[in-house]
Amino acid sequence: MSAIVNKVMGTMARAYRANVAKSLNSYGLHYEDCLLEKPSVLEAISLSSPEVLRDRNRRIKRAMDLSFKKKDLNDYRPDIVENATPFKKEISELVQKIEEREEERELINKGW
């Protein structure tokens, strides 16, 4: 029974991931560009390299411009859409480390 559920969920997850990738590619965004800006994400962004920060800001500004114009990135730069990597990880590891550090800090403060 669980094998069937896992197979169905895996199929649905792949379809959902493809749909998210298509939506991100239409604006030239990465998945990480859409993360909620909670304190751990903001800290990870501030600790990332200047190139990562610059590229992220450019992608977000371009996406806002395309959204405002109701256009698709494929209309302007199909080469970017073809070579897109919407799930490229640039700050995820930093976010995870920061969240683990905060959890550890909370445990220490509680007296564990």
Foldseek 3Di string as FASTA:
>chain_A
DVVVVVVVVVVVVVVVVVVVLVVCLQQLAAPLLPDDPDPLSVVLLVPFDPVVVVVSVVSVVSSVVCVVVVGGVCVPCVVSSVPGDRHDDRRVVSSVVSVVVVVVVVCVVVPD
